[in-house]
């Protein structure tokens, strides 16, 4: 009877170990957690999945994109107020990639571009306050081509990108430039704004290089 109980206990312990191993494997626990923060370019493109493939199983990449979201707080969808941002913080990432700014180039929102740096720094400071103390990358957004969304590439070049560079300099953060490698490739965009699979792969590749 004692032997049976011993064997049963051994089987139970083995089952628990296997279960815990599976939880670790499938939840990404123990891997470097990467949070992709952004707008529809993050939410709907394949770049986060492409990045996961490039980084491999030692990283756990999750996307927290919100379509239409902005850096600017004076907009209809400021990212800092979105539930996805709270989820991103609860994820306790080790690395945070912020790809925002495209919607800030919309004509009506751009009127508040003078607030861009302060609003971006407020968002970044919330990320910096996390217990996981993540490394933060600020991504210069891709170019804008002919589109029906009232988004201006001139506004990206004249206001958004300089604002991101200023935030990076003031807070000592690293920037990733996906604008330049995509500037001559309108064919990599399905509607002049959102990248195709080829465009998303290029974005992921530039981020991978920064890692």
C-alpha atoms as a PDB file:
ATOM      1  CA  UNK A   1       0.000   0.000   0.000  1.00  0.00           C
ATOM      2  CA  UNK A   2       2.873   2.343   0.835  1.00  0.00           C
ATOM      3  CA  UNK A   3       4.476   1.651  -2.556  1.00  0.00           C
ATOM      4  CA  UNK A   4       1.226   2.472  -4.339  1.00  0.00           C
ATOM      5  CA  UNK A   5       0.915   5.764  -2.527  1.00  0.00           C
ATOM      6  CA  UNK A   6       4.544   6.563  -3.320  1.00  0.00           C
ATOM      7  CA  UNK A   7       3.998   5.819  -6.982  1.00  0.00           C
ATOM      8  CA  UNK A   8       0.798   7.886  -6.995  1.00  0.00           C
ATOM      9  CA  UNK A   9       2.621  10.793  -5.384  1.00  0.00           C
ATOM     10  CA  UNK A  10       5.401  10.534  -7.962  1.00  0.00           C
ATOM     11  CA  UNK A  11       2.873  10.548 -10.806  1.00  0.00           C
ATOM     12  CA  UNK A  12       1.121  13.612  -9.334  1.00  0.00           C
ATOM     13  CA  UNK A  13       4.401  15.480  -8.969  1.00  0.00           C
ATOM     14  CA  UNK A  14       5.369  14.611 -12.532  1.00  0.00           C
ATOM     15  CA  UNK A  15       1.975  15.833 -13.792  1.00  0.00           C
ATOM     16  CA  UNK A  16       2.372  19.110 -11.923  1.00  0.00           C
ATOM     17  CA  UNK A  17       5.858  19.637 -13.349  1.00  0.00           C
ATOM     18  CA  UNK A  18       4.618  18.950 -16.880  1.00  0.00           C
ATOM     19  CA  UNK A  19       1.679  21.321 -16.412  1.00  0.00           C
ATOM     20  CA  UNK A  20       3.907  24.097 -15.130  1.00  0.00           C
ATOM     21  CA  UNK A  21       6.293  23.548 -18.041  1.00  0.00           C
ATOM     22  CA  UNK A  22       3.459  23.847 -20.535  1.00  0.00           C
ATOM     23  CA  UNK A  23       2.246  27.042 -18.862  1.00  0.00           C
ATOM     24  CA  UNK A  24       5.728  28.513 -19.131  1.00  0.00           C
ATOM     25  CA  UNK A  25       6.060  27.517 -22.776  1.00  0.00           C
ATOM     26  CA  UNK A  26       2.670  28.741 -23.917  1.00  0.00           C
ATOM     27  CA  UNK A  27       2.381  31.913 -21.822  1.00  0.00           C
ATOM     28  CA  UNK A  28       5.814  33.255 -22.688  1.00  0.00           C
ATOM     29  CA  UNK A  29       6.807  33.333 -19.002  1.00  0.00           C
ATOM     30  CA  UNK A  30      10.569  33.479 -18.702  1.00  0.00           C
ATOM     31  CA  UNK A  31      10.906  35.034 -22.139  1.00  0.00           C
ATOM     32  CA  UNK A  32      11.766  38.686 -22.719  1.00  0.00           C
ATOM     33  CA  UNK A  33       8.406  40.445 -22.937  1.00  0.00           C
ATOM     34  CA  UNK A  34       8.034  42.904 -25.819  1.00  0.00           C
ATOM     35  CA  UNK A  35       5.056  45.269 -25.963  1.00  0.00           C
ATOM     36  CA  UNK A  36       4.219  46.833 -29.329  1.00  0.00           C
ATOM     37  CA  UNK A  37       2.334  50.045 -28.648  1.00  0.00           C
ATOM     38  CA  UNK A  38       0.759  51.924 -31.514  1.00  0.00           C
ATOM     39  CA  UNK A  39      -2.163  52.710 -33.774  1.00  0.00           C
ATOM     40  CA  UNK A  40      -3.707  50.723 -36.633  1.00  0.00           C
ATOM     41  CA  UNK A  41      -0.278  50.181 -38.174  1.00  0.00           C
ATOM     42  CA  UNK A  42       0.495  48.077 -35.106  1.00  0.00           C
ATOM     43  CA  UNK A  43      -2.980  46.638 -34.637  1.00  0.00           C
ATOM     44  CA  UNK A  44      -3.681  45.499 -38.178  1.00  0.00           C
ATOM     45  CA  UNK A  45      -0.308  44.931 -39.843  1.00  0.00           C
ATOM     46  CA  UNK A  46       1.750  41.783 -39.487  1.00  0.00           C
ATOM     47  CA  UNK A  47       4.819  43.554 -38.121  1.00  0.00           C
ATOM     48  CA  UNK A  48       4.451  42.299 -34.512  1.00  0.00           C
ATOM     49  CA  UNK A  49       4.093  38.710 -35.767  1.00  0.00           C
ATOM     50  CA  UNK A  50       7.032  39.168 -38.111  1.00  0.00           C
ATOM     51  CA  UNK A  51       9.101  40.531 -35.233  1.00  0.00           C
ATOM     52  CA  UNK A  52       8.172  37.526 -33.093  1.00  0.00           C
ATOM     53  CA  UNK A  53       9.387  35.204 -35.829  1.00  0.00           C
ATOM     54  CA  UNK A  54      12.656  37.110 -36.175  1.00  0.00           C
ATOM     55  CA  UNK A  55      13.332  37.218 -32.421  1.00  0.00           C
ATOM     56  CA  UNK A  56      12.445  33.598 -31.713  1.00  0.00           C
ATOM     57  CA  UNK A  57      11.110  31.829 -28.647  1.00  0.00           C
ATOM     58  CA  UNK A  58      13.304  33.658 -26.144  1.00  0.00           C
ATOM     59  CA  UNK A  59      11.044  36.684 -26.731  1.00  0.00           C
ATOM     60  CA  UNK A  60       7.307  37.056 -26.196  1.00  0.00           C
ATOM     61  CA  UNK A  61       5.924  39.773 -28.479  1.00  0.00           C
ATOM     62  CA  UNK A  62       2.413  41.162 -27.978  1.00  0.00           C
ATOM     63  CA  UNK A  63       0.675  43.927 -29.866  1.00  0.00           C
ATOM     64  CA  UNK A  64      -1.325  46.634 -28.132  1.00  0.00           C
ATOM     65  CA  UNK A  65      -2.420  48.728 -31.083  1.00  0.00           C
ATOM     66  CA  UNK A  66      -5.491  50.963 -31.157  1.00  0.00           C
ATOM     67  CA  UNK A  67      -6.779  52.090 -34.525  1.00  0.00           C
ATOM     68  CA  UNK A  68      -6.964  55.855 -34.886  1.00  0.00           C
ATOM     69  CA  UNK A  69      -4.989  56.538 -31.715  1.00  0.00           C
ATOM     70  CA  UNK A  70      -2.687  59.517 -31.297  1.00  0.00           C
ATOM     71  CA  UNK A  71       0.075  60.861 -29.113  1.00  0.00           C
ATOM     72  CA  UNK A  72      -1.823  64.116 -28.823  1.00  0.00           C
ATOM     73  CA  UNK A  73      -4.199  64.112 -25.876  1.00  0.00           C
ATOM     74  CA  UNK A  74      -6.395  66.686 -27.620  1.00  0.00           C
ATOM     75  CA  UNK A  75      -7.869  64.179 -30.080  1.00  0.00           C
ATOM     76  CA  UNK A  76     -10.744  61.747 -30.313  1.00  0.00           C
ATOM     77  CA  UNK A  77      -8.551  58.723 -29.453  1.00  0.00           C
ATOM     78  CA  UNK A  78      -5.475  59.614 -27.383  1.00  0.00           C
ATOM     79  CA  UNK A  79      -3.527  56.401 -26.843  1.00  0.00           C
ATOM     80  CA  UNK A  80      -2.754  57.265 -23.237  1.00  0.00           C
ATOM     81  CA  UNK A  81      -6.473  56.973 -22.389  1.00  0.00           C
ATOM     82  CA  UNK A  82      -7.051  53.630 -24.119  1.00  0.00           C
ATOM     83  CA  UNK A  83      -7.660  50.311 -22.390  1.00  0.00           C
ATOM     84  CA  UNK A  84      -4.939  48.735 -24.522  1.00  0.00           C
ATOM     85  CA  UNK A  85      -2.376  51.020 -22.917  1.00  0.00           C
ATOM     86  CA  UNK A  86      -3.417  49.758 -19.500  1.00  0.00           C
ATOM     87  CA  UNK A  87      -3.121  46.176 -20.770  1.00  0.00           C
ATOM     88  CA  UNK A  88       0.343  46.943 -22.129  1.00  0.00           C
ATOM     89  CA  UNK A  89       1.440  48.206 -18.722  1.00  0.00           C
ATOM     90  CA  UNK A  90      -0.084  45.193 -16.953  1.00  0.00           C
ATOM     91  CA  UNK A  91       1.969  42.981 -19.288  1.00  0.00           C
ATOM     92  CA  UNK A  92       5.050  44.369 -17.466  1.00  0.00           C
ATOM     93  CA  UNK A  93       7.165  44.404 -20.613  1.00  0.00           C
ATOM     94  CA  UNK A  94      10.942  44.316 -20.648  1.00  0.00           C
ATOM     95  CA  UNK A  95      10.987  46.152 -23.963  1.00  0.00           C
ATOM     96  CA  UNK A  96       8.449  48.646 -25.302  1.00  0.00           C
ATOM     97  CA  UNK A  97       8.205  49.689 -28.934  1.00  0.00           C
ATOM     98  CA  UNK A  98       6.141  52.831 -29.480  1.00  0.00           C
ATOM     99  CA  UNK A  99       5.009  53.399 -33.055  1.00  0.00           C
ATOM    100  CA  UNK A 100       2.700  56.396 -32.885  1.00  0.00           C
ATOM    101  CA  UNK A 101       2.417  59.708 -34.702  1.00  0.00           C
ATOM    102  CA  UNK A 102       0.702  58.808 -37.967  1.00  0.00           C
ATOM    103  CA  UNK A 103      -2.732  59.998 -36.836  1.00  0.00           C
ATOM    104  CA  UNK A 104      -1.219  63.114 -35.291  1.00  0.00           C
ATOM    105  CA  UNK A 105      -0.511  64.164 -38.883  1.00  0.00           C
ATOM    106  CA  UNK A 106      -4.238  64.460 -39.581  1.00  0.00           C
ATOM    107  CA  UNK A 107      -5.111  68.031 -40.496  1.00  0.00           C
ATOM    108  CA  UNK A 108      -7.481  68.748 -37.594  1.00  0.00           C
ATOM    109  CA  UNK A 109      -5.301  67.075 -34.939  1.00  0.00           C
ATOM    110  CA  UNK A 110      -2.133  68.675 -36.280  1.00  0.00           C
ATOM    111  CA  UNK A 111      -3.397  72.045 -35.113  1.00  0.00           C
ATOM    112  CA  UNK A 112      -2.311  70.922 -31.624  1.00  0.00           C
ATOM    113  CA  UNK A 113       1.148  69.762 -32.696  1.00  0.00           C
ATOM    114  CA  UNK A 114       2.758  72.223 -30.279  1.00  0.00           C
ATOM    115  CA  UNK A 115       1.628  69.844 -27.511  1.00  0.00           C
ATOM    116  CA  UNK A 116       3.110  66.761 -29.159  1.00  0.00           C
ATOM    117  CA  UNK A 117       6.383  66.605 -27.222  1.00  0.00           C
ATOM    118  CA  UNK A 118       4.799  67.172 -23.821  1.00  0.00           C
ATOM    119  CA  UNK A 119       2.042  64.639 -24.500  1.00  0.00           C
ATOM    120  CA  UNK A 120       4.526  62.043 -25.776  1.00  0.00           C
ATOM    121  CA  UNK A 121       6.748  62.510 -22.742  1.00  0.00           C
ATOM    122  CA  UNK A 122       3.747  62.014 -20.464  1.00  0.00           C
ATOM    123  CA  UNK A 123       3.013  58.697 -22.147  1.00  0.00           C
ATOM    124  CA  UNK A 124       6.653  57.618 -21.983  1.00  0.00           C
ATOM    125  CA  UNK A 125       6.943  58.474 -18.292  1.00  0.00           C
ATOM    126  CA  UNK A 126       4.018  56.162 -17.521  1.00  0.00           C
ATOM    127  CA  UNK A 127       5.946  53.375 -19.232  1.00  0.00           C
ATOM    128  CA  UNK A 128       9.160  54.281 -17.439  1.00  0.00           C
ATOM    129  CA  UNK A 129       7.353  54.030 -14.096  1.00  0.00           C
ATOM    130  CA  UNK A 130       6.652  50.314 -14.569  1.00  0.00           C
ATOM    131  CA  UNK A 131       8.270  47.874 -12.141  1.00  0.00           C
ATOM    132  CA  UNK A 132       9.821  46.017 -15.077  1.00  0.00           C
ATOM    133  CA  UNK A 133      11.833  49.147 -16.017  1.00  0.00           C
ATOM    134  CA  UNK A 134      11.561  48.452 -19.741  1.00  0.00           C
ATOM    135  CA  UNK A 135      13.911  49.602 -22.442  1.00  0.00           C
ATOM    136  CA  UNK A 136      11.899  51.925 -24.682  1.00  0.00           C
ATOM    137  CA  UNK A 137      12.271  52.422 -28.420  1.00  0.00           C
ATOM    138  CA  UNK A 138      10.559  55.328 -30.172  1.00  0.00           C
ATOM    139  CA  UNK A 139       9.778  54.528 -33.793  1.00  0.00           C
ATOM    140  CA  UNK A 140       9.629  57.265 -36.395  1.00  0.00           C
ATOM    141  CA  UNK A 141       6.453  56.379 -38.311  1.00  0.00           C
ATOM    142  CA  UNK A 142       6.427  55.308 -41.945  1.00  0.00           C
ATOM    143  CA  UNK A 143       5.794  57.785 -44.747  1.00  0.00           C
ATOM    144  CA  UNK A 144       2.330  58.738 -45.936  1.00  0.00           C
ATOM    145  CA  UNK A 145       1.433  58.528 -49.602  1.00  0.00           C
ATOM    146  CA  UNK A 146      -1.757  59.534 -51.408  1.00  0.00           C
ATOM    147  CA  UNK A 147      -4.636  58.633 -49.107  1.00  0.00           C
ATOM    148  CA  UNK A 148      -8.251  59.419 -48.326  1.00  0.00           C
ATOM    149  CA  UNK A 149      -7.733  59.732 -44.573  1.00  0.00           C
ATOM    150  CA  UNK A 150      -6.639  63.382 -44.526  1.00  0.00           C
ATOM    151  CA  UNK A 151      -3.173  62.389 -43.342  1.00  0.00           C
ATOM    152  CA  UNK A 152      -0.289  64.577 -44.490  1.00  0.00           C
ATOM    153  CA  UNK A 153       3.259  63.379 -45.076  1.00  0.00           C
ATOM    154  CA  UNK A 154       4.459  66.988 -44.770  1.00  0.00           C
ATOM    155  CA  UNK A 155       3.091  67.004 -41.224  1.00  0.00           C
ATOM    156  CA  UNK A 156       5.012  63.800 -40.482  1.00  0.00           C
ATOM    157  CA  UNK A 157       8.260  65.375 -41.684  1.00  0.00           C
ATOM    158  CA  UNK A 158       7.793  68.858 -40.256  1.00  0.00           C
ATOM    159  CA  UNK A 159       6.165  68.117 -36.907  1.00  0.00           C
ATOM    160  CA  UNK A 160       5.863  64.485 -35.902  1.00  0.00           C
ATOM    161  CA  UNK A 161       9.360  63.169 -36.568  1.00  0.00           C
ATOM    162  CA  UNK A 162      11.139  66.249 -35.149  1.00  0.00           C
ATOM    163  CA  UNK A 163       8.921  65.906 -32.070  1.00  0.00           C
ATOM    164  CA  UNK A 164       9.882  62.249 -31.632  1.00  0.00           C
ATOM    165  CA  UNK A 165      13.552  63.138 -31.996  1.00  0.00           C
ATOM    166  CA  UNK A 166      13.179  65.832 -29.334  1.00  0.00           C
ATOM    167  CA  UNK A 167      11.494  63.420 -26.916  1.00  0.00           C
ATOM    168  CA  UNK A 168      14.239  60.852 -27.502  1.00  0.00           C
ATOM    169  CA  UNK A 169      16.959  63.414 -26.874  1.00  0.00           C
ATOM    170  CA  UNK A 170      15.356  64.835 -23.741  1.00  0.00           C
ATOM    171  CA  UNK A 171      14.601  61.437 -22.194  1.00  0.00           C
ATOM    172  CA  UNK A 172      17.694  59.592 -23.424  1.00  0.00           C
ATOM    173  CA  UNK A 173      15.800  57.065 -25.543  1.00  0.00           C
ATOM    174  CA  UNK A 174      16.651  55.182 -28.716  1.00  0.00           C
ATOM    175  CA  UNK A 175      14.827  55.920 -31.955  1.00  0.00           C
ATOM    176  CA  UNK A 176      14.152  53.533 -34.822  1.00  0.00           C
ATOM    177  CA  UNK A 177      13.697  55.022 -38.279  1.00  0.00           C
ATOM    178  CA  UNK A 178      11.203  53.154 -40.455  1.00  0.00           C
ATOM    179  CA  UNK A 179      10.403  56.270 -42.484  1.00  0.00           C
ATOM    180  CA  UNK A 180      13.611  56.351 -44.521  1.00  0.00           C
ATOM    181  CA  UNK A 181      13.672  52.719 -45.739  1.00  0.00           C
ATOM    182  CA  UNK A 182      10.025  52.982 -46.818  1.00  0.00           C
ATOM    183  CA  UNK A 183      10.162  56.477 -48.318  1.00  0.00           C
ATOM    184  CA  UNK A 184      10.623  55.227 -51.894  1.00  0.00           C
ATOM    185  CA  UNK A 185       8.197  52.332 -51.676  1.00  0.00           C
ATOM    186  CA  UNK A 186       4.578  53.436 -52.111  1.00  0.00           C
ATOM    187  CA  UNK A 187       3.918  49.924 -53.420  1.00  0.00           C
ATOM    188  CA  UNK A 188       4.405  48.651 -49.859  1.00  0.00           C
ATOM    189  CA  UNK A 189       1.218  50.410 -48.716  1.00  0.00           C
ATOM    190  CA  UNK A 190      -2.303  49.173 -49.403  1.00  0.00           C
ATOM    191  CA  UNK A 191      -3.987  52.572 -49.098  1.00  0.00           C
ATOM    192  CA  UNK A 192      -1.137  55.050 -48.851  1.00  0.00           C
ATOM    193  CA  UNK A 193      -1.068  54.695 -45.054  1.00  0.00           C
ATOM    194  CA  UNK A 194      -1.180  51.064 -43.921  1.00  0.00           C
ATOM    195  CA  UNK A 195       1.712  48.781 -44.857  1.00  0.00           C
ATOM    196  CA  UNK A 196       1.245  45.622 -46.856  1.00  0.00           C
ATOM    197  CA  UNK A 197       2.851  42.391 -45.681  1.00  0.00           C
ATOM    198  CA  UNK A 198       6.058  43.483 -47.426  1.00  0.00           C
ATOM    199  CA  UNK A 199       5.983  46.851 -45.686  1.00  0.00           C
ATOM    200  CA  UNK A 200       5.254  45.272 -42.315  1.00  0.00           C
ATOM    201  CA  UNK A 201       8.150  42.865 -42.771  1.00  0.00           C
ATOM    202  CA  UNK A 202      10.466  45.789 -43.460  1.00  0.00           C
ATOM    203  CA  UNK A 203       9.247  47.585 -40.318  1.00  0.00           C
ATOM    204  CA  UNK A 204       9.871  44.451 -38.267  1.00  0.00           C
ATOM    205  CA  UNK A 205      13.315  44.106 -39.802  1.00  0.00           C
ATOM    206  CA  UNK A 206      14.321  47.655 -38.814  1.00  0.00           C
ATOM    207  CA  UNK A 207      13.124  47.073 -35.265  1.00  0.00           C
ATOM    208  CA  UNK A 208      14.954  43.750 -35.140  1.00  0.00           C
ATOM    209  CA  UNK A 209      18.176  45.486 -36.178  1.00  0.00           C
ATOM    210  CA  UNK A 210      17.801  47.895 -33.254  1.00  0.00           C
ATOM    211  CA  UNK A 211      17.530  44.954 -30.849  1.00  0.00           C
END
